[in-house]
Amino acid sequence: MTLRFSIRFPLAALLGAAFALLAGPALARCSQNLVQLGSGVQVASLDGFKFAADTSPNRVVVTFVGHASFQIDTPQGVRAITDYNGVNGFGRRPDIVTMNNAHDTHFTDTPEDGITYVLRGWPSQPGESEAKHEVTLKDMKVWNVPTNARDWGGGRARINGNSIFIYAVGDLCIAHLGHLHHRLTKEHLEELGRIDVLMVPIDGSYTMGMPLMVDVIRQIQPRVVLPMHYWGRSQLERFEGLMATLDADFVWPDRRSIEIVKEQLPEKLTVIAVGGEGGG
């Protein structure tokens, strides 16, 4: 994908977006797009990856490491792992890990020593009603938006039992839906802000029905979707069929690692099956 394009905004719109960035409640959110350029996602090497010769700070290498876990590496060397369970990952230890506790494949009570930030996406301390995080390490900022989750024992809702985690590197914003069990409210969407890359569970049962998950993608309107939490090509193919309603392109890379650059995001909604046939 090599198309390039740009959008011009009236001065008033640019000023409005700039002032919105300065407002207190919006500081944790990803800003609205001011300029959007180009299209393209590049495959990166798994063996000692190197960033492409690009000066943009708005880029990451994303590697699928199993189940609902992605490894995110930044230009300044920060490494985060999503839905960290102490097993999925490779190489040096991560600097930031985020977790959800729907199942023990999404968290661990014994993270390895030396991780700078261990962020749990559910109330884990006495007296907590929700988990709220906002941390910055070099060129990565991470925060969360709590959502509800089903109580598997009695079928009741666990209020704020899940978190959507957002990872911002420069002006590139990535969101991981975790173990999402419901559509999002207007308040959720306002907290999220603009999302460029969305990591989406597509199992269709443990989280929520696949058509409902497509509705969530429609709500968030990312530029890139990375499927996760699935087992086998048949689930991917069903997801591909449902995403046809959003006129999405599908990319099937031959490796589990890709470099994503903000200025080169695809113009059209694109699903990248970086997890291959899933599992893990």
Protein backbone atom coordinates (compact mmCIF):
# COMPACT_ATOMS: atom_id res chain seq x y z
CA MET A 1 0.00 0.00 0.00
CA THR A 2 1.66 3.18 -1.18
CA LEU A 3 -1.14 5.73 -1.58
CA ARG A 4 -0.57 9.16 -0.04
CA PHE A 5 -3.11 11.82 0.78
CA SER A 6 -3.61 14.86 2.97
CA ILE A 7 -6.56 16.72 4.42
CA ARG A 8 -6.72 20.47 4.93
CA PHE A 9 -8.64 21.84 7.87
CA PRO A 10 -10.01 25.37 8.33
CA LEU A 11 -8.02 27.49 10.77
CA ALA A 12 -10.91 27.46 13.27
CA ALA A 13 -10.93 23.67 13.33
CA LEU A 14 -7.19 23.52 13.91
CA LEU A 15 -7.40 26.04 16.75
CA GLY A 16 -10.35 24.19 18.29
CA ALA A 17 -8.48 20.92 18.27
CA ALA A 18 -5.39 22.58 19.74
CA PHE A 19 -7.39 24.12 22.61
CA ALA A 20 -9.08 20.76 23.22
CA LEU A 21 -5.65 19.25 23.84
CA LEU A 22 -5.05 21.76 26.62
CA ALA A 23 -8.27 21.04 28.49
CA GLY A 24 -7.79 19.11 31.72
CA PRO A 25 -10.08 16.08 31.17
CA ALA A 26 -8.77 15.59 27.65
CA LEU A 27 -5.10 15.31 28.59
CA ALA A 28 -5.22 11.52 28.81
CA ARG A 29 -7.07 11.13 25.54
CA CYS A 30 -5.66 10.80 22.06
CA SER A 31 -6.18 14.00 20.11
CA GLN A 32 -8.30 14.26 17.02
CA ASN A 33 -6.46 13.97 13.71
CA LEU A 34 -5.11 17.31 12.45
CA VAL A 35 -3.23 15.94 9.45
CA GLN A 36 -3.42 12.46 7.95
CA LEU A 37 -0.80 11.41 5.43
CA GLY A 38 -0.10 8.40 3.30
CA SER A 39 -0.92 4.76 3.73
CA GLY A 40 1.04 1.66 4.47
CA VAL A 41 2.02 -0.95 7.01
CA GLN A 42 5.43 -2.53 6.82
CA VAL A 43 6.46 -6.01 7.92
CA ALA A 44 9.29 -6.00 10.45
CA SER A 45 11.78 -8.74 11.24
CA LEU A 46 11.25 -10.87 14.33
CA ASP A 47 15.00 -11.42 14.63
CA GLY A 48 16.26 -8.28 16.32
CA PHE A 49 13.79 -5.95 14.64
CA LYS A 50 14.90 -2.58 13.35
CA PHE A 51 12.69 0.38 12.65
CA ALA A 52 12.52 1.58 9.08
CA ALA A 53 14.59 4.62 8.16
CA ASP A 54 11.90 7.05 9.24
CA THR A 55 12.25 10.03 11.54
CA SER A 56 8.65 9.95 12.76
CA PRO A 57 8.27 9.49 16.52
CA ASN A 58 4.71 8.28 15.90
CA ARG A 59 5.50 4.63 15.22
CA VAL A 60 5.74 1.22 16.86
CA VAL A 61 6.61 -2.35 16.09
CA VAL A 62 3.72 -4.62 17.13
CA THR A 63 4.27 -8.34 17.57
CA PHE A 64 1.57 -10.91 18.28
CA VAL A 65 2.88 -13.14 21.07
CA GLY A 66 -0.18 -15.31 21.70
CA HIS A 67 -3.84 -15.34 22.81
CA ALA A 68 -4.65 -11.68 23.63
CA SER A 69 -1.06 -10.53 24.05
CA PHE A 70 0.73 -8.10 21.76
CA GLN A 71 4.22 -6.78 22.32
CA ILE A 72 4.56 -3.07 21.49
CA ASP A 73 8.06 -1.61 20.99
CA THR A 74 8.74 2.12 20.62
CA PRO A 75 11.56 4.08 18.95
CA GLN A 76 12.99 4.98 22.39
CA GLY A 77 13.14 1.34 23.43
CA VAL A 78 10.04 1.04 25.63
CA ARG A 79 8.38 -2.37 25.52
CA ALA A 80 4.81 -3.06 26.62
CA ILE A 81 2.86 -6.32 26.61
CA THR A 82 -0.94 -6.41 26.59
CA ASP A 83 -2.99 -8.89 28.65
CA TYR A 84 0.29 -10.05 30.16
CA ASN A 85 0.13 -13.55 31.67
CA GLY A 86 3.79 -14.11 32.46
CA VAL A 87 4.16 -16.57 29.59
CA ASN A 88 3.52 -14.79 26.30
CA GLY A 89 6.44 -12.69 25.10
CA PHE A 90 10.05 -13.16 24.08
CA GLY A 91 13.42 -11.54 24.53
CA ARG A 92 14.05 -9.00 27.25
CA ARG A 93 11.44 -8.31 29.90
CA PRO A 94 8.82 -5.65 29.21
CA ASP A 95 8.82 -2.21 30.82
CA ILE A 96 5.03 -1.91 31.04
CA VAL A 97 2.45 -4.69 31.28
CA THR A 98 -1.33 -4.42 31.28
CA MET A 99 -3.69 -7.14 32.44
CA ASN A 100 -7.36 -8.13 32.60
CA ASN A 101 -8.65 -10.87 34.87
CA ALA A 102 -11.45 -12.59 32.97
CA HIS A 103 -9.31 -15.75 32.78
CA ASP A 104 -5.84 -16.66 33.97
CA THR A 105 -4.60 -16.48 30.36
CA HIS A 106 -4.98 -12.68 30.61
CA PHE A 107 -3.09 -11.92 33.83
CA THR A 108 -0.64 -13.22 36.41
CA ASP A 109 -0.31 -12.68 40.14
CA THR A 110 3.45 -13.13 39.87
CA PRO A 111 4.84 -10.78 37.20
CA GLU A 112 8.59 -11.02 36.74
CA ASP A 113 10.80 -8.70 38.75
CA GLY A 114 12.01 -5.46 37.22
CA ILE A 115 8.88 -4.42 35.30
CA THR A 116 8.50 -0.66 35.74
CA TYR A 117 4.70 -0.53 35.59
CA VAL A 118 2.28 -3.43 36.25
CA LEU A 119 -1.21 -2.16 35.44
CA ARG A 120 -4.21 -4.26 36.46
CA GLY A 121 -7.44 -3.50 34.66
CA TRP A 122 -9.84 -4.35 37.50
CA PRO A 123 -10.27 -3.16 41.12
CA SER A 124 -7.49 -5.05 42.87
CA GLN A 125 -7.02 -3.09 46.08
CA PRO A 126 -9.34 -2.96 49.12
CA GLY A 127 -11.90 -0.20 48.73
CA GLU A 128 -11.34 0.29 45.01
CA SER A 129 -14.42 0.57 42.80
CA GLU A 130 -12.44 0.82 39.57
CA ALA A 131 -8.88 0.71 38.32
CA LYS A 132 -7.58 4.00 36.92
CA HIS A 133 -4.09 4.33 35.50
CA GLU A 134 -2.11 6.96 33.64
CA VAL A 135 1.65 6.44 33.31
CA THR A 136 4.38 7.74 31.01
CA LEU A 137 7.74 6.13 30.30
CA LYS A 138 9.97 7.86 27.75
CA ASP A 139 7.92 8.00 24.52
CA MET A 140 5.00 5.80 25.64
CA LYS A 141 1.96 6.89 27.63
CA VAL A 142 -0.57 4.32 28.88
CA TRP A 143 -3.98 4.80 30.47
CA ASN A 144 -7.22 2.86 30.76
CA VAL A 145 -10.97 3.17 30.34
CA PRO A 146 -12.87 0.78 32.69
CA THR A 147 -15.76 -1.28 31.29
CA ASN A 148 -17.98 -3.96 32.82
CA ALA A 149 -17.50 -7.72 32.57
CA ARG A 150 -19.69 -10.75 33.13
CA ASP A 151 -19.41 -12.70 36.35
CA TRP A 152 -18.88 -16.21 35.05
CA GLY A 153 -20.19 -17.76 38.26
CA GLY A 154 -23.62 -16.15 38.41
CA GLY A 155 -23.96 -14.32 35.12
CA ARG A 156 -24.08 -10.93 36.82
CA ALA A 157 -22.09 -7.91 35.73
CA ARG A 158 -18.79 -7.14 37.40
CA ILE A 159 -18.86 -3.36 37.35
CA ASN A 160 -15.55 -2.00 36.04
CA GLY A 161 -14.22 -5.56 35.85
CA ASN A 162 -12.44 -5.00 32.51
CA SER A 163 -10.30 -2.21 31.08
CA ILE A 164 -9.60 -0.93 27.60
CA PHE A 165 -5.94 0.11 27.70
CA ILE A 166 -4.63 2.86 25.43
CA TYR A 167 -0.99 3.16 24.40
CA ALA A 168 0.11 6.48 22.89
CA VAL A 169 3.49 6.82 21.19
CA GLY A 170 3.83 10.35 19.89
CA ASP A 171 0.55 10.98 18.10
CA LEU A 172 -0.08 7.30 17.33
CA CYS A 173 -2.83 5.84 19.54
CA ILE A 174 -3.42 2.11 20.03
CA ALA A 175 -6.26 0.60 22.07
CA HIS A 176 -6.60 -2.97 23.37
CA LEU A 177 -10.20 -3.93 24.15
CA GLY A 178 -9.24 -6.57 26.70
CA HIS A 179 -12.09 -8.96 27.51
CA LEU A 180 -14.85 -6.58 26.42
CA HIS A 181 -18.39 -7.85 27.02
CA HIS A 182 -20.64 -5.02 25.79
CA ARG A 183 -21.02 -2.12 23.39
CA LEU A 184 -19.50 1.16 24.47
CA THR A 185 -21.36 4.15 25.81
CA LYS A 186 -20.93 7.74 24.70
CA GLU A 187 -18.88 8.32 27.85
CA HIS A 188 -16.54 5.44 27.00
CA LEU A 189 -16.01 6.82 23.50
CA GLU A 190 -15.30 10.30 24.82
CA GLU A 191 -12.71 8.89 27.22
CA LEU A 192 -11.05 6.94 24.42
CA GLY A 193 -10.76 9.85 22.00
CA ARG A 194 -9.38 9.14 18.54
CA ILE A 195 -7.95 5.62 18.14
CA ASP A 196 -5.71 4.71 15.19
CA VAL A 197 -5.10 1.02 15.85
CA LEU A 198 -7.59 -1.26 17.63
CA MET A 199 -6.77 -4.71 19.06
CA VAL A 200 -10.01 -6.68 18.98
CA PRO A 201 -11.04 -10.08 20.44
CA ILE A 202 -12.95 -12.03 17.79
CA ASP A 203 -13.70 -15.33 19.56
CA GLY A 204 -17.44 -14.63 19.31
CA SER A 205 -18.38 -16.30 22.60
CA TYR A 206 -16.12 -15.74 25.62
CA THR A 207 -16.17 -11.99 25.04
CA MET A 208 -19.20 -11.08 22.91
CA GLY A 209 -20.82 -12.13 19.66
CA MET A 210 -18.78 -11.30 16.59
CA PRO A 211 -21.48 -9.07 15.03
CA LEU A 212 -21.57 -7.04 18.27
CA MET A 213 -17.78 -6.70 18.18
CA VAL A 214 -18.05 -5.35 14.64
CA ASP A 215 -20.51 -2.79 16.04
CA VAL A 216 -17.87 -1.74 18.58
CA ILE A 217 -15.35 -1.27 15.76
CA ARG A 218 -17.94 0.86 13.99
CA GLN A 219 -18.31 2.92 17.18
CA ILE A 220 -14.57 3.53 17.59
CA GLN A 221 -13.72 3.98 13.89
CA PRO A 222 -10.02 3.03 13.91
CA ARG A 223 -7.85 2.99 10.81
CA VAL A 224 -6.29 -0.42 11.56
CA VAL A 225 -7.76 -3.47 13.34
CA LEU A 226 -5.58 -6.25 14.76
CA PRO A 227 -7.65 -9.38 15.58
CA MET A 228 -6.81 -11.43 18.69
CA HIS A 229 -8.31 -14.01 21.04
CA TYR A 230 -9.30 -16.55 18.38
CA TRP A 231 -8.39 -20.08 17.37
CA GLY A 232 -8.12 -21.07 13.74
CA ARG A 233 -8.60 -19.57 10.32
CA SER A 234 -12.35 -20.23 10.26
CA GLN A 235 -12.95 -17.58 12.94
CA LEU A 236 -10.84 -15.11 10.98
CA GLU A 237 -12.74 -15.84 7.79
CA ARG A 238 -16.07 -15.31 9.55
CA PHE A 239 -14.77 -12.03 10.93
CA GLU A 240 -13.61 -11.02 7.45
CA GLY A 241 -17.12 -11.65 6.12
CA LEU A 242 -18.74 -9.53 8.84
CA MET A 243 -16.22 -6.73 8.33
CA ALA A 244 -17.37 -6.50 4.71
CA THR A 245 -20.22 -4.33 6.05
CA LEU A 246 -17.53 -1.75 6.95
CA ASP A 247 -15.82 -2.16 3.55
CA ALA A 248 -12.59 -3.17 5.26
CA ASP A 249 -9.48 -4.39 3.49
CA PHE A 250 -7.76 -7.53 4.84
CA VAL A 251 -3.99 -8.01 4.99
CA TRP A 252 -2.42 -11.39 5.77
CA PRO A 253 1.25 -10.77 6.65
CA ASP A 254 3.65 -13.70 6.59
CA ARG A 255 5.14 -12.79 9.99
CA ARG A 256 3.77 -11.92 13.41
CA SER A 257 5.51 -8.57 13.61
CA ILE A 258 4.65 -5.31 11.81
CA GLU A 259 5.77 -1.70 11.97
CA ILE A 260 2.97 0.87 12.06
CA VAL A 261 3.68 4.54 11.34
CA LYS A 262 1.10 7.23 12.06
CA GLU A 263 1.90 9.23 8.93
CA GLN A 264 1.52 6.11 6.79
CA LEU A 265 -1.75 4.73 8.13
CA PRO A 266 -3.99 3.30 5.41
CA GLU A 267 -6.68 5.63 4.17
CA LYS A 268 -9.22 2.79 4.24
CA LEU A 269 -10.09 0.68 7.30
CA THR A 270 -7.66 -2.25 7.21
CA VAL A 271 -7.66 -5.51 9.18
CA ILE A 272 -4.18 -7.00 9.61
CA ALA A 273 -4.18 -10.66 10.64
CA VAL A 274 -0.79 -10.38 12.33
CA GLY A 275 -1.78 -13.24 14.66
CA GLY A 276 -1.94 -15.72 11.78
CA GLU A 277 -4.29 -18.50 12.78
CA GLY A 278 -4.34 -17.30 16.40
CA GLY A 279 -4.02 -19.52 19.41
CA GLY A 280 -1.54 -19.35 22.24
